[in-house]
């Protein structure tokens, strides 16, 4: 991970249309705001269902900012860029 990068974890279920849309929207937003200073970890809860309980995920898709440390989560397909911007994605948020 590059210095000053953001790290995100996106929880989704299999490759549903809504999950794929969330991933595509996240990549688009990060490319626009963070250029190459981001890392996305995708967690498929169908493959690792125990992580939903461990990480307190109640709905999917859910985006969590891992670094810098954050308690904030965004639920949904991330098409509402206003909500995502409020999530403090990058320097312009």
Foldseek 3Di string as FASTA:
>chain_A
DDPPAWEKEWEAADPDPFSVLLVVLVVVVCCVAVNPRYYYHYHHCVVVVVVCVVVVPDAPGKMDTPPPNDPDIDHTSCPPVVVVVVVCNHPVD
